[in-house]
All heavy atoms as atom14 arrays in JSON, in Angstrom:
{
  "sequence": "MVEAIAARDGASVAGQIAGAARRLQAGGADFFAICCNTVHEYAD",
  "atom14_mask": [
    [1, 1, 1, 1, 1, 1, 1, 1, 0, 0, 0, 0, 0, 0],
    [1, 1, 1, 1, 1, 1, 1, 0, 0, 0, 0, 0, 0, 0],
    [1, 1, 1, 1, 1, 1, 1, 1, 1, 0, 0, 0, 0, 0],
    [1, 1, 1, 1, 1, 0, 0, 0, 0, 0, 0, 0, 0, 0],
    [1, 1, 1, 1, 1, 1, 1, 1, 0, 0, 0, 0, 0, 0],
    [1, 1, 1, 1, 1, 0, 0, 0, 0, 0, 0, 0, 0, 0],
    [1, 1, 1, 1, 1, 0, 0, 0, 0, 0, 0, 0, 0, 0],
    [1, 1, 1, 1, 1, 1, 1, 1, 1, 1, 1, 0, 0, 0],
    [1, 1, 1, 1, 1, 1, 1, 1, 0, 0, 0, 0, 0, 0],
    [1, 1, 1, 1, 0, 0, 0, 0, 0, 0, 0, 0, 0, 0],
    [1, 1, 1, 1, 1, 0, 0, 0, 0, 0, 0, 0, 0, 0],
    [1, 1, 1, 1, 1, 1, 0, 0, 0, 0, 0, 0, 0, 0],
    [1, 1, 1, 1, 1, 1, 1, 0, 0, 0, 0, 0, 0, 0],
    [1, 1, 1, 1, 1, 0, 0, 0, 0, 0, 0, 0, 0, 0],
    [1, 1, 1, 1, 0, 0, 0, 0, 0, 0, 0, 0, 0, 0],
    [1, 1, 1, 1, 1, 1, 1, 1, 1, 0, 0, 0, 0, 0],
    [1, 1, 1, 1, 1, 1, 1, 1, 0, 0, 0, 0, 0, 0],
    [1, 1, 1, 1, 1, 0, 0, 0, 0, 0, 0, 0, 0, 0],
    [1, 1, 1, 1, 0, 0, 0, 0, 0, 0, 0, 0, 0, 0],
    [1, 1, 1, 1, 1, 0, 0, 0, 0, 0, 0, 0, 0, 0],
    [1, 1, 1, 1, 1, 0, 0, 0, 0, 0, 0, 0, 0, 0],
    [1, 1, 1, 1, 1, 1, 1, 1, 1, 1, 1, 0, 0, 0],
    [1, 1, 1, 1, 1, 1, 1, 1, 1, 1, 1, 0, 0, 0],
    [1, 1, 1, 1, 1, 1, 1, 1, 0, 0, 0, 0, 0, 0],
    [1, 1, 1, 1, 1, 1, 1, 1, 1, 0, 0, 0, 0, 0],
    [1, 1, 1, 1, 1, 0, 0, 0, 0, 0, 0, 0, 0, 0],
    [1, 1, 1, 1, 0, 0, 0, 0, 0, 0, 0, 0, 0, 0],
    [1, 1, 1, 1, 0, 0, 0, 0, 0, 0, 0, 0, 0, 0],
    [1, 1, 1, 1, 1, 0, 0, 0, 0, 0, 0, 0, 0, 0],
    [1, 1, 1, 1, 1, 1, 1, 1, 0, 0, 0, 0, 0, 0],
    [1, 1, 1, 1, 1, 1, 1, 1, 1, 1, 1, 0, 0, 0],
    [1, 1, 1, 1, 1, 1, 1, 1, 1, 1, 1, 0, 0, 0],
    [1, 1, 1, 1, 1, 0, 0, 0, 0, 0, 0, 0, 0, 0],
    [1, 1, 1, 1, 1, 1, 1, 1, 0, 0, 0, 0, 0, 0],
    [1, 1, 1, 1, 1, 1, 0, 0, 0, 0, 0, 0, 0, 0],
    [1, 1, 1, 1, 1, 1, 0, 0, 0, 0, 0, 0, 0, 0],
    [1, 1, 1, 1, 1, 1, 1, 1, 0, 0, 0, 0, 0, 0],
    [1, 1, 1, 1, 1, 1, 1, 0, 0, 0, 0, 0, 0, 0],
    [1, 1, 1, 1, 1, 1, 1, 0, 0, 0, 0, 0, 0, 0],
    [1, 1, 1, 1, 1, 1, 1, 1, 1, 1, 0, 0, 0, 0],
    [1, 1, 1, 1, 1, 1, 1, 1, 1, 0, 0, 0, 0, 0],
    [1, 1, 1, 1, 1, 1, 1, 1, 1, 1, 1, 1, 0, 0],
    [1, 1, 1, 1, 1, 0, 0, 0, 0, 0, 0, 0, 0, 0],
    [1, 1, 1, 1, 1, 1, 1, 1, 0, 0, 0, 0, 0, 0]
  ],
  "atom14_positions": [
    [[82.92, 104.53, 86.45], [84.26, 104.5, 87.01], [84.52, 103.18, 87.73], [85.58, 102.57, 87.58], [84.42, 105.67, 87.99], [85.85, 105.93, 88.43], [86.77, 106.85, 87.2], [85.94, 108.42, 87.24], [0.0, 0.0, 0.0], [0.0, 0.0, 0.0], [0.0, 0.0, 0.0], [0.0, 0.0, 0.0], [0.0, 0.0, 0.0], [0.0, 0.0, 0.0]],
    [[83.54, 102.71, 88.49], [83.66, 101.43, 89.18], [83.91, 100.31, 88.18], [84.77, 99.44, 88.38], [82.39, 101.14, 90.01], [82.37, 99.69, 90.49], [82.29, 102.1, 91.19], [0.0, 0.0, 0.0], [0.0, 0.0, 0.0], [0.0, 0.0, 0.0], [0.0, 0.0, 0.0], [0.0, 0.0, 0.0], [0.0, 0.0, 0.0], [0.0, 0.0, 0.0]],
    [[83.18, 100.34, 87.07], [83.32, 99.3, 86.05], [84.69, 99.37, 85.38], [85.32, 98.34, 85.11], [82.2, 99.44, 85.02], [80.82, 99.15, 85.61], [79.68, 99.53, 84.69], [79.96, 99.97, 83.55], [78.51, 99.39, 85.1], [0.0, 0.0, 0.0], [0.0, 0.0, 0.0], [0.0, 0.0, 0.0], [0.0, 0.0, 0.0], [0.0, 0.0, 0.0]],
    [[85.18, 100.58, 85.13], [86.5, 100.74, 84.51], [87.61, 100.29, 85.45], [88.58, 99.66, 85.02], [86.7, 102.2, 84.1], [0.0, 0.0, 0.0], [0.0, 0.0, 0.0], [0.0, 0.0, 0.0], [0.0, 0.0, 0.0], [0.0, 0.0, 0.0], [0.0, 0.0, 0.0], [0.0, 0.0, 0.0], [0.0, 0.0, 0.0], [0.0, 0.0, 0.0]],
    [[87.46, 100.58, 86.74], [88.45, 100.15, 87.72], [88.48, 98.63, 87.79], [89.55, 98.01, 87.8], [88.15, 100.76, 89.11], [88.36, 102.28, 89.09], [89.03, 100.12, 90.18], [87.84, 102.99, 90.32], [0.0, 0.0, 0.0], [0.0, 0.0, 0.0], [0.0, 0.0, 0.0], [0.0, 0.0, 0.0], [0.0, 0.0, 0.0], [0.0, 0.0, 0.0]],
    [[87.31, 98.01, 87.84], [87.23, 96.54, 87.91], [87.82, 95.89, 86.68], [88.43, 94.81, 86.77], [85.78, 96.11, 88.09], [0.0, 0.0, 0.0], [0.0, 0.0, 0.0], [0.0, 0.0, 0.0], [0.0, 0.0, 0.0], [0.0, 0.0, 0.0], [0.0, 0.0, 0.0], [0.0, 0.0, 0.0], [0.0, 0.0, 0.0], [0.0, 0.0, 0.0]],
    [[87.7, 96.56, 85.53], [88.26, 96.03, 84.29], [89.73, 96.37, 84.12], [90.34, 96.0, 83.12], [87.47, 96.59, 83.1], [0.0, 0.0, 0.0], [0.0, 0.0, 0.0], [0.0, 0.0, 0.0], [0.0, 0.0, 0.0], [0.0, 0.0, 0.0], [0.0, 0.0, 0.0], [0.0, 0.0, 0.0], [0.0, 0.0, 0.0], [0.0, 0.0, 0.0]],
    [[90.28, 97.09, 85.1], [91.69, 97.54, 85.08], [91.95, 98.43, 83.87], [93.04, 98.4, 83.27], [92.67, 96.35, 85.09], [92.35, 95.26, 86.09], [92.1, 95.77, 87.52], [93.27, 96.31, 88.17], [93.26, 97.38, 88.97], [92.13, 98.03, 89.2], [94.37, 97.81, 89.52], [0.0, 0.0, 0.0], [0.0, 0.0, 0.0], [0.0, 0.0, 0.0]],
    [[90.96, 99.24, 83.52], [91.07, 100.15, 82.39], [91.55, 101.51, 82.89], [90.77, 102.46, 83.01], [89.72, 100.26, 81.68], [89.79, 101.05, 80.38], [90.86, 101.63, 80.09], [88.76, 101.09, 79.67], [0.0, 0.0, 0.0], [0.0, 0.0, 0.0], [0.0, 0.0, 0.0], [0.0, 0.0, 0.0], [0.0, 0.0, 0.0], [0.0, 0.0, 0.0]],
    [[92.84, 101.58, 83.18], [93.4, 102.8, 83.73], [93.27, 103.99, 82.81], [93.1, 105.13, 83.25], [0.0, 0.0, 0.0], [0.0, 0.0, 0.0], [0.0, 0.0, 0.0], [0.0, 0.0, 0.0], [0.0, 0.0, 0.0], [0.0, 0.0, 0.0], [0.0, 0.0, 0.0], [0.0, 0.0, 0.0], [0.0, 0.0, 0.0], [0.0, 0.0, 0.0]],
    [[93.35, 103.76, 81.5], [93.25, 104.86, 80.54], [91.87, 105.52, 80.63], [91.76, 106.76, 80.57], [93.5, 104.35, 79.13], [0.0, 0.0, 0.0], [0.0, 0.0, 0.0], [0.0, 0.0, 0.0], [0.0, 0.0, 0.0], [0.0, 0.0, 0.0], [0.0, 0.0, 0.0], [0.0, 0.0, 0.0], [0.0, 0.0, 0.0], [0.0, 0.0, 0.0]],
    [[90.83, 104.7, 80.8], [89.48, 105.25, 80.92], [89.33, 106.04, 82.21], [88.79, 107.15, 82.22], [88.45, 104.13, 80.86], [87.14, 104.64, 81.09], [0.0, 0.0, 0.0], [0.0, 0.0, 0.0], [0.0, 0.0, 0.0], [0.0, 0.0, 0.0], [0.0, 0.0, 0.0], [0.0, 0.0, 0.0], [0.0, 0.0, 0.0], [0.0, 0.0, 0.0]],
    [[89.79, 105.45, 83.33], [89.69, 106.12, 84.62], [90.42, 107.46, 84.59], [89.87, 108.51, 84.94], [90.24, 105.24, 85.76], [90.26, 106.0, 87.08], [89.43, 103.96, 85.9], [0.0, 0.0, 0.0], [0.0, 0.0, 0.0], [0.0, 0.0, 0.0], [0.0, 0.0, 0.0], [0.0, 0.0, 0.0], [0.0, 0.0, 0.0], [0.0, 0.0, 0.0]],
    [[91.68, 107.4, 84.15], [92.49, 108.62, 84.11], [91.92, 109.65, 83.15], [91.95, 110.86, 83.43], [93.93, 108.28, 83.72], [0.0, 0.0, 0.0], [0.0, 0.0, 0.0], [0.0, 0.0, 0.0], [0.0, 0.0, 0.0], [0.0, 0.0, 0.0], [0.0, 0.0, 0.0], [0.0, 0.0, 0.0], [0.0, 0.0, 0.0], [0.0, 0.0, 0.0]],
    [[91.37, 109.18, 82.03], [90.8, 110.1, 81.06], [89.6, 110.85, 81.62], [89.45, 112.05, 81.4], [0.0, 0.0, 0.0], [0.0, 0.0, 0.0], [0.0, 0.0, 0.0], [0.0, 0.0, 0.0], [0.0, 0.0, 0.0], [0.0, 0.0, 0.0], [0.0, 0.0, 0.0], [0.0, 0.0, 0.0], [0.0, 0.0, 0.0], [0.0, 0.0, 0.0]],
    [[88.76, 110.12, 82.37], [87.59, 110.77, 82.97], [88.01, 111.8, 84.02], [87.45, 112.9, 84.09], [86.68, 109.72, 83.61], [86.0, 108.79, 82.62], [85.15, 107.74, 83.31], [84.16, 108.07, 83.97], [85.53, 106.48, 83.19], [0.0, 0.0, 0.0], [0.0, 0.0, 0.0], [0.0, 0.0, 0.0], [0.0, 0.0, 0.0], [0.0, 0.0, 0.0]],
    [[88.99, 111.44, 84.84], [89.44, 112.36, 85.89], [90.15, 113.57, 85.28], [89.92, 114.71, 85.69], [90.39, 111.64, 86.87], [89.68, 110.47, 87.57], [90.95, 112.62, 87.9], [88.57, 110.87, 88.48], [0.0, 0.0, 0.0], [0.0, 0.0, 0.0], [0.0, 0.0, 0.0], [0.0, 0.0, 0.0], [0.0, 0.0, 0.0], [0.0, 0.0, 0.0]],
    [[91.02, 113.32, 84.31], [91.76, 114.41, 83.67], [90.8, 115.37, 82.95], [90.99, 116.59, 82.97], [92.8, 113.87, 82.7], [0.0, 0.0, 0.0], [0.0, 0.0, 0.0], [0.0, 0.0, 0.0], [0.0, 0.0, 0.0], [0.0, 0.0, 0.0], [0.0, 0.0, 0.0], [0.0, 0.0, 0.0], [0.0, 0.0, 0.0], [0.0, 0.0, 0.0]],
    [[89.77, 114.81, 82.32], [88.77, 115.66, 81.67], [88.08, 116.55, 82.68], [87.84, 117.74, 82.44], [0.0, 0.0, 0.0], [0.0, 0.0, 0.0], [0.0, 0.0, 0.0], [0.0, 0.0, 0.0], [0.0, 0.0, 0.0], [0.0, 0.0, 0.0], [0.0, 0.0, 0.0], [0.0, 0.0, 0.0], [0.0, 0.0, 0.0], [0.0, 0.0, 0.0]],
    [[87.75, 115.98, 83.84], [87.14, 116.77, 84.91], [88.09, 117.86, 85.39], [87.67, 118.99, 85.65], [86.74, 115.85, 86.07], [0.0, 0.0, 0.0], [0.0, 0.0, 0.0], [0.0, 0.0, 0.0], [0.0, 0.0, 0.0], [0.0, 0.0, 0.0], [0.0, 0.0, 0.0], [0.0, 0.0, 0.0], [0.0, 0.0, 0.0], [0.0, 0.0, 0.0]],
    [[89.38, 117.52, 85.51], [90.37, 118.5, 85.96], [90.48, 119.66, 84.97], [90.58, 120.83, 85.37], [91.73, 117.83, 86.14], [0.0, 0.0, 0.0], [0.0, 0.0, 0.0], [0.0, 0.0, 0.0], [0.0, 0.0, 0.0], [0.0, 0.0, 0.0], [0.0, 0.0, 0.0], [0.0, 0.0, 0.0], [0.0, 0.0, 0.0], [0.0, 0.0, 0.0]],
    [[90.43, 119.35, 83.69], [90.5, 120.43, 82.69], [89.28, 121.33, 82.76], [89.38, 122.55, 82.6], [90.66, 119.82, 81.29], [92.04, 119.21, 81.04], [92.24, 118.87, 79.57], [91.38, 117.77, 79.13], [91.71, 116.49, 79.2], [92.89, 116.13, 79.7], [90.88, 115.56, 78.76], [0.0, 0.0, 0.0], [0.0, 0.0, 0.0], [0.0, 0.0, 0.0]],
    [[88.12, 120.74, 83.03], [86.91, 121.57, 83.17], [86.99, 122.43, 84.43], [86.54, 123.59, 84.43], [85.67, 120.68, 83.19], [85.39, 119.99, 81.87], [84.04, 119.29, 81.83], [83.93, 118.16, 82.73], [84.31, 116.92, 82.43], [84.86, 116.65, 81.26], [84.16, 115.93, 83.3], [0.0, 0.0, 0.0], [0.0, 0.0, 0.0], [0.0, 0.0, 0.0]],
    [[87.56, 121.88, 85.49], [87.76, 122.67, 86.7], [88.69, 123.84, 86.44], [88.45, 124.98, 86.88], [88.34, 121.78, 87.81], [87.4, 120.74, 88.41], [88.18, 119.8, 89.32], [86.26, 121.4, 89.19], [0.0, 0.0, 0.0], [0.0, 0.0, 0.0], [0.0, 0.0, 0.0], [0.0, 0.0, 0.0], [0.0, 0.0, 0.0], [0.0, 0.0, 0.0]],
    [[89.77, 123.57, 85.71], [90.73, 124.63, 85.39], [90.07, 125.71, 84.53], [90.28, 126.92, 84.76], [91.93, 124.04, 84.67], [93.08, 125.02, 84.48], [94.34, 124.33, 83.99], [94.29, 123.28, 83.33], [95.49, 124.9, 84.32], [0.0, 0.0, 0.0], [0.0, 0.0, 0.0], [0.0, 0.0, 0.0], [0.0, 0.0, 0.0], [0.0, 0.0, 0.0]],
    [[89.26, 125.3, 83.58], [88.55, 126.27, 82.74], [87.59, 127.11, 83.57], [87.3, 128.27, 83.22], [87.79, 125.54, 81.63], [0.0, 0.0, 0.0], [0.0, 0.0, 0.0], [0.0, 0.0, 0.0], [0.0, 0.0, 0.0], [0.0, 0.0, 0.0], [0.0, 0.0, 0.0], [0.0, 0.0, 0.0], [0.0, 0.0, 0.0], [0.0, 0.0, 0.0]],
    [[87.12, 126.53, 84.68], [86.22, 127.26, 85.57], [86.93, 128.08, 86.62], [86.28, 128.64, 87.51], [0.0, 0.0, 0.0], [0.0, 0.0, 0.0], [0.0, 0.0, 0.0], [0.0, 0.0, 0.0], [0.0, 0.0, 0.0], [0.0, 0.0, 0.0], [0.0, 0.0, 0.0], [0.0, 0.0, 0.0], [0.0, 0.0, 0.0], [0.0, 0.0, 0.0]],
    [[88.25, 128.15, 86.53], [89.01, 129.03, 87.42], [89.68, 128.38, 88.6], [90.28, 129.08, 89.44], [0.0, 0.0, 0.0], [0.0, 0.0, 0.0], [0.0, 0.0, 0.0], [0.0, 0.0, 0.0], [0.0, 0.0, 0.0], [0.0, 0.0, 0.0], [0.0, 0.0, 0.0], [0.0, 0.0, 0.0], [0.0, 0.0, 0.0], [0.0, 0.0, 0.0]],
    [[89.6, 127.04, 88.72], [90.27, 126.37, 89.85], [91.78, 126.54, 89.75], [92.36, 126.44, 88.66], [89.9, 124.89, 89.87], [0.0, 0.0, 0.0], [0.0, 0.0, 0.0], [0.0, 0.0, 0.0], [0.0, 0.0, 0.0], [0.0, 0.0, 0.0], [0.0, 0.0, 0.0], [0.0, 0.0, 0.0], [0.0, 0.0, 0.0], [0.0, 0.0, 0.0]],
    [[92.42, 126.79, 90.89], [93.87, 126.96, 90.94], [94.6, 125.64, 91.17], [95.79, 125.53, 90.88], [94.23, 127.93, 92.06], [93.73, 129.33, 91.79], [94.16, 129.93, 90.78], [92.9, 129.84, 92.56], [0.0, 0.0, 0.0], [0.0, 0.0, 0.0], [0.0, 0.0, 0.0], [0.0, 0.0, 0.0], [0.0, 0.0, 0.0], [0.0, 0.0, 0.0]],
    [[93.92, 124.66, 91.71], [94.46, 123.32, 91.93], [93.27, 122.4, 92.14], [92.12, 122.86, 92.19], [95.4, 123.28, 93.14], [94.73, 123.48, 94.47], [94.46, 122.4, 95.31], [94.36, 124.76, 94.91], [93.83, 122.57, 96.54], [93.73, 124.94, 96.14], [93.47, 123.84, 96.96], [0.0, 0.0, 0.0], [0.0, 0.0, 0.0], [0.0, 0.0, 0.0]],
    [[93.53, 121.09, 92.25], [92.39, 120.2, 92.43], [92.75, 119.0, 93.29], [93.92, 118.7, 93.54], [91.82, 119.74, 91.09], [92.58, 118.64, 90.38], [92.03, 117.36, 90.24], [93.82, 118.88, 89.81], [92.7, 116.35, 89.57], [94.5, 117.87, 89.13], [93.95, 116.6, 89.01], [0.0, 0.0, 0.0], [0.0, 0.0, 0.0], [0.0, 0.0, 0.0]],
    [[91.69, 118.34, 93.76], [91.82, 117.12, 94.54], [90.75, 116.15, 94.08], [89.66, 116.57, 93.66], [91.67, 117.4, 96.04], [0.0, 0.0, 0.0], [0.0, 0.0, 0.0], [0.0, 0.0, 0.0], [0.0, 0.0, 0.0], [0.0, 0.0, 0.0], [0.0, 0.0, 0.0], [0.0, 0.0, 0.0], [0.0, 0.0, 0.0], [0.0, 0.0, 0.0]],
    [[91.06, 114.87, 94.17], [90.11, 113.82, 93.79], [89.54, 113.24, 95.07], [90.3, 112.76, 95.93], [90.81, 112.72, 92.97], [91.55, 113.32, 91.77], [89.8, 111.68, 92.51], [92.52, 112.35, 91.11], [0.0, 0.0, 0.0], [0.0, 0.0, 0.0], [0.0, 0.0, 0.0], [0.0, 0.0, 0.0], [0.0, 0.0, 0.0], [0.0, 0.0, 0.0]],
    [[88.24, 113.26, 95.21], [87.58, 112.83, 96.46], [87.4, 111.31, 96.49], [86.28, 110.8, 96.65], [86.24, 113.53, 96.62], [86.33, 115.32, 96.56], [0.0, 0.0, 0.0], [0.0, 0.0, 0.0], [0.0, 0.0, 0.0], [0.0, 0.0, 0.0], [0.0, 0.0, 0.0], [0.0, 0.0, 0.0], [0.0, 0.0, 0.0], [0.0, 0.0, 0.0]],
    [[88.5, 110.59, 96.35], [88.46, 109.13, 96.31], [89.89, 108.62, 96.43], [90.8, 109.15, 95.78], [87.85, 108.66, 94.98], [87.83, 106.88, 94.74], [0.0, 0.0, 0.0], [0.0, 0.0, 0.0], [0.0, 0.0, 0.0], [0.0, 0.0, 0.0], [0.0, 0.0, 0.0], [0.0, 0.0, 0.0], [0.0, 0.0, 0.0], [0.0, 0.0, 0.0]],
    [[90.09, 107.61, 97.27], [91.42, 107.01, 97.39], [91.77, 106.13, 96.2], [92.84, 106.22, 95.62], [91.49, 106.14, 98.66], [91.65, 106.95, 99.93], [92.75, 107.23, 100.38], [90.53, 107.33, 100.53], [0.0, 0.0, 0.0], [0.0, 0.0, 0.0], [0.0, 0.0, 0.0], [0.0, 0.0, 0.0], [0.0, 0.0, 0.0], [0.0, 0.0, 0.0]],
    [[90.82, 105.25, 95.82], [91.11, 104.18, 94.87], [91.62, 104.68, 93.53], [92.58, 104.12, 92.96], [89.86, 103.3, 94.65], [89.45, 102.76, 95.91], [90.15, 102.18, 93.68], [0.0, 0.0, 0.0], [0.0, 0.0, 0.0], [0.0, 0.0, 0.0], [0.0, 0.0, 0.0], [0.0, 0.0, 0.0], [0.0, 0.0, 0.0], [0.0, 0.0, 0.0]],
    [[91.02, 105.74, 93.0], [91.41, 106.19, 91.66], [92.81, 106.81, 91.64], [93.37, 107.04, 90.57], [90.39, 107.17, 91.06], [89.03, 106.52, 90.92], [90.3, 108.45, 91.87], [0.0, 0.0, 0.0], [0.0, 0.0, 0.0], [0.0, 0.0, 0.0], [0.0, 0.0, 0.0], [0.0, 0.0, 0.0], [0.0, 0.0, 0.0], [0.0, 0.0, 0.0]],
    [[93.4, 107.02, 92.82], [94.78, 107.53, 92.85], [95.78, 106.5, 92.34], [96.95, 106.83, 92.14], [95.15, 108.0, 94.25], [94.62, 109.37, 94.57], [93.3, 109.6, 94.88], [95.24, 110.58, 94.6], [93.13, 110.9, 95.11], [94.28, 111.51, 94.94], [0.0, 0.0, 0.0], [0.0, 0.0, 0.0], [0.0, 0.0, 0.0], [0.0, 0.0, 0.0]],
    [[95.32, 105.27, 92.12], [96.19, 104.3, 91.45], [96.65, 104.85, 90.1], [97.74, 104.53, 89.63], [95.45, 102.98, 91.25], [96.28, 101.93, 90.53], [95.59, 100.59, 90.4], [94.42, 100.45, 90.85], [96.22, 99.66, 89.86], [0.0, 0.0, 0.0], [0.0, 0.0, 0.0], [0.0, 0.0, 0.0], [0.0, 0.0, 0.0], [0.0, 0.0, 0.0]],
    [[95.82, 105.7, 89.51], [96.12, 106.24, 88.18], [96.47, 107.73, 88.23], [96.34, 108.44, 87.23], [94.92, 106.0, 87.26], [94.52, 104.55, 87.2], [93.32, 104.11, 87.78], [95.35, 103.6, 86.62], [92.96, 102.77, 87.75], [95.01, 102.25, 86.59], [93.81, 101.85, 87.15], [93.46, 100.52, 87.13], [0.0, 0.0, 0.0], [0.0, 0.0, 0.0]],
    [[96.92, 108.19, 89.39], [97.22, 109.62, 89.56], [98.28, 110.1, 88.58], [98.18, 111.21, 88.04], [97.66, 109.9, 90.99], [0.0, 0.0, 0.0], [0.0, 0.0, 0.0], [0.0, 0.0, 0.0], [0.0, 0.0, 0.0], [0.0, 0.0, 0.0], [0.0, 0.0, 0.0], [0.0, 0.0, 0.0], [0.0, 0.0, 0.0], [0.0, 0.0, 0.0]],
    [[99.29, 109.29, 88.33], [100.34, 109.71, 87.39], [99.79, 109.87, 85.98], [100.21, 110.79, 85.25], [101.5, 108.7, 87.4], [102.31, 108.74, 88.67], [102.18, 109.73, 89.44], [103.07, 107.79, 88.93], [0.0, 0.0, 0.0], [0.0, 0.0, 0.0], [0.0, 0.0, 0.0], [0.0, 0.0, 0.0], [0.0, 0.0, 0.0], [0.0, 0.0, 0.0]]
  ]
}
C-alpha cells in the first residue's frame, strides 16, 4: 500500500481497500472504517 501510494496508483490502493470491504461485508459487517488517514485520499 505504501508503494502504491508513493506511485500515486490510486486504482491499486482503492482496489485493495474495496476488496477488503467486500470481504468484511461477506463476513457480516454492517459498515466499515479504514484505520488510516492517508488512504482516504481515495475514499471516493
